[in-house]
Amino acid sequence: MDLTNRIAELAAPAAAQAGLVLDGVNVSPAGKRTRVVITVDLPETEVGSADLDRVAEASRAIGAALDEANGPSTEYVLEVSTPGTDRPLTERRHYLRARTRLLALSLVDGTQTVARLTDVEDDVLVLEAPHGTERVELANVAEGRIEVELKRLDKEN
């Protein structure tokens, strides 16, 4: 088993202790050390962003798990973070987490749409667009991204 997979197996249960899920692991050399970047996220059943307390709790648990199992056998630098809003939405679970957010979608037929994601039903995105409700199958999405809004939905009048 390679080091990345071994770290993922150790980090996933540690992240779960903080109520988060493992989203990705990247291992790379950093001089004499190994750089371990772990991305965690809220479960797909939750909407919003993981708060810093949960990320810090996950970081401590992941670090302890790696140390106990002698994860990287050399000195390492551990970075634990969330994916951020600029990550591309590539999986159904990404869209589930983006419910209530404004999305920019590029479809496989070349069209583009900007609409608010209200739900994900099976493999269909339910969007509230300016012209009304729109349904888009995930298979028809070439690229999806969250549009950063300066005025949050829950603050609107």
Protein backbone atom coordinates (compact mmCIF):
# COMPACT_ATOMS: atom_id res chain seq x y z
CA MET A 1 0.00 0.00 0.00
CA ASP A 2 1.40 3.40 -0.90
CA LEU A 3 1.82 6.17 1.66
CA THR A 4 -1.11 8.28 0.41
CA ASN A 5 -3.57 5.38 0.80
CA ARG A 6 -2.15 4.49 4.20
CA ILE A 7 -2.57 8.08 5.40
CA ALA A 8 -6.12 8.17 4.01
CA GLU A 9 -7.01 5.02 5.94
CA LEU A 10 -5.65 6.58 9.15
CA ALA A 11 -7.12 10.04 8.57
CA ALA A 12 -10.70 9.07 7.65
CA PRO A 13 -11.73 7.72 11.07
CA ALA A 14 -9.86 10.56 12.80
CA ALA A 15 -11.78 13.14 10.73
CA ALA A 16 -15.03 11.32 11.51
CA GLN A 17 -14.35 11.86 15.24
CA ALA A 18 -14.79 15.59 14.53
CA GLY A 19 -17.92 14.99 12.44
CA LEU A 20 -16.11 15.55 9.16
CA VAL A 21 -15.35 13.38 6.14
CA LEU A 22 -12.05 12.92 4.37
CA ASP A 23 -12.15 14.70 1.02
CA GLY A 24 -8.58 14.21 -0.16
CA VAL A 25 -4.97 13.47 0.71
CA ASN A 26 -1.90 14.85 -1.02
CA VAL A 27 1.60 13.75 0.01
CA SER A 28 4.69 15.43 -1.41
CA PRO A 29 8.36 15.93 -0.49
CA ALA A 30 9.22 19.22 1.21
CA GLY A 31 12.99 19.29 1.62
CA LYS A 32 13.95 16.74 4.28
CA ARG A 33 10.33 16.47 5.39
CA THR A 34 7.15 15.14 3.91
CA ARG A 35 4.24 17.53 3.34
CA VAL A 36 0.86 15.93 4.11
CA VAL A 37 -2.14 17.99 2.99
CA ILE A 38 -5.50 16.61 4.10
CA THR A 39 -8.78 18.09 2.96
CA VAL A 40 -11.85 17.51 5.13
CA ASP A 41 -15.44 18.55 4.61
CA LEU A 42 -18.85 18.33 6.24
CA PRO A 43 -20.85 15.19 5.46
CA GLU A 44 -23.09 15.47 2.40
CA THR A 45 -26.15 15.62 4.67
CA GLU A 46 -25.05 19.03 6.01
CA VAL A 47 -25.15 22.41 4.30
CA GLY A 48 -22.66 25.18 4.98
CA SER A 49 -18.99 25.14 5.80
CA ALA A 50 -16.98 23.33 8.40
CA ASP A 51 -16.11 25.72 11.21
CA LEU A 52 -12.56 26.22 12.42
CA ASP A 53 -13.16 24.39 15.70
CA ARG A 54 -14.15 21.21 13.86
CA VAL A 55 -11.21 21.50 11.47
CA ALA A 56 -8.83 22.02 14.40
CA GLU A 57 -10.35 19.02 16.21
CA ALA A 58 -9.91 16.91 13.06
CA SER A 59 -6.32 18.15 12.67
CA ARG A 60 -5.42 17.09 16.21
CA ALA A 61 -7.06 13.66 15.78
CA ILE A 62 -5.41 13.08 12.39
CA GLY A 63 -2.00 14.14 13.70
CA ALA A 64 -2.35 11.77 16.68
CA ALA A 65 -3.42 8.89 14.40
CA LEU A 66 -0.47 9.46 12.05
CA ASP A 67 2.00 9.70 14.92
CA GLU A 68 0.65 6.58 16.63
CA ALA A 69 0.83 4.51 13.44
CA ASN A 70 4.13 6.07 12.36
CA GLY A 71 2.26 7.39 9.28
CA PRO A 72 5.05 9.00 7.36
CA SER A 73 8.20 7.38 8.76
CA THR A 74 10.10 10.65 8.29
CA GLU A 75 9.44 14.10 9.73
CA TYR A 76 6.31 15.56 8.22
CA VAL A 77 4.32 18.77 8.08
CA LEU A 78 0.56 18.26 8.41
CA GLU A 79 -1.90 20.71 6.87
CA VAL A 80 -5.62 20.14 7.35
CA SER A 81 -8.13 22.38 5.57
CA THR A 82 -11.48 22.47 3.81
CA PRO A 83 -11.80 22.46 0.00
CA GLY A 84 -12.88 26.11 -0.25
CA THR A 85 -15.52 27.60 -2.49
CA ASP A 86 -13.29 27.74 -5.56
CA ARG A 87 -13.00 23.98 -5.95
CA PRO A 88 -14.78 22.52 -8.96
CA LEU A 89 -17.92 20.55 -8.19
CA THR A 90 -17.21 17.15 -9.70
CA GLU A 91 -19.18 14.64 -7.64
CA ARG A 92 -22.77 14.30 -6.48
CA ARG A 93 -21.68 14.79 -2.87
CA HIS A 94 -20.15 18.16 -3.80
CA TYR A 95 -23.53 19.31 -5.10
CA LEU A 96 -25.33 17.99 -2.03
CA ARG A 97 -23.06 20.17 0.11
CA ALA A 98 -23.69 23.17 -2.16
CA ARG A 99 -27.47 23.23 -1.66
CA THR A 100 -28.72 26.82 -1.18
CA ARG A 101 -25.66 28.18 -3.01
CA LEU A 102 -25.56 30.06 -6.30
CA LEU A 103 -23.85 27.91 -8.95
CA ALA A 104 -22.30 28.58 -12.33
CA LEU A 105 -22.73 25.54 -14.54
CA SER A 106 -21.24 24.80 -17.95
CA LEU A 107 -23.24 22.07 -19.64
CA VAL A 108 -21.95 19.48 -22.09
CA ASP A 109 -24.03 21.05 -24.89
CA GLY A 110 -22.02 24.27 -24.49
CA THR A 111 -24.68 26.31 -22.69
CA GLN A 112 -24.12 27.95 -19.35
CA THR A 113 -26.44 28.79 -16.51
CA VAL A 114 -26.20 30.57 -13.18
CA ALA A 115 -28.85 29.49 -10.71
CA ARG A 116 -29.40 28.65 -7.06
CA LEU A 117 -29.22 24.95 -6.20
CA THR A 118 -32.26 24.05 -4.11
CA ASP A 119 -31.99 20.26 -4.08
CA VAL A 120 -30.35 17.17 -5.52
CA GLU A 121 -32.82 14.41 -6.37
CA ASP A 122 -31.05 11.19 -7.32
CA ASP A 123 -28.69 12.45 -10.07
CA VAL A 124 -30.68 15.58 -10.96
CA LEU A 125 -29.88 19.11 -9.82
CA VAL A 126 -32.95 21.20 -8.97
CA LEU A 127 -32.15 24.83 -9.65
CA GLU A 128 -34.03 28.05 -9.05
CA ALA A 129 -33.17 30.14 -12.10
CA PRO A 130 -34.43 33.64 -13.00
CA HIS A 131 -36.92 32.07 -15.45
CA GLY A 132 -38.18 29.46 -12.93
CA THR A 133 -37.28 26.00 -11.71
CA GLU A 134 -34.81 24.12 -13.86
CA ARG A 135 -33.73 20.48 -13.60
CA VAL A 136 -30.32 19.40 -14.89
CA GLU A 137 -28.97 15.87 -14.87
CA LEU A 138 -25.48 15.60 -13.37
CA ALA A 139 -24.36 13.74 -16.49
CA ASN A 140 -25.11 16.91 -18.50
CA VAL A 141 -22.80 19.11 -16.38
CA ALA A 142 -19.32 19.62 -17.84
CA GLU A 143 -18.19 21.95 -15.05
CA GLY A 144 -19.80 23.35 -11.92
CA ARG A 145 -18.57 26.01 -9.51
CA ILE A 146 -19.98 27.92 -6.56
CA GLU A 147 -20.46 31.61 -7.22
CA VAL A 148 -19.21 33.66 -4.29
CA GLU A 149 -21.96 35.96 -3.02
CA LEU A 150 -21.23 38.97 -0.89
CA LYS A 151 -24.84 39.06 0.33
CA ARG A 152 -25.80 35.71 1.84
CA LEU A 153 -29.17 34.14 1.10
CA ASP A 154 -30.17 33.98 4.78
CA LYS A 155 -29.53 37.74 5.12
CA GLU A 156 -31.79 38.77 2.24
CA ASN A 157 -35.07 40.57 2.94
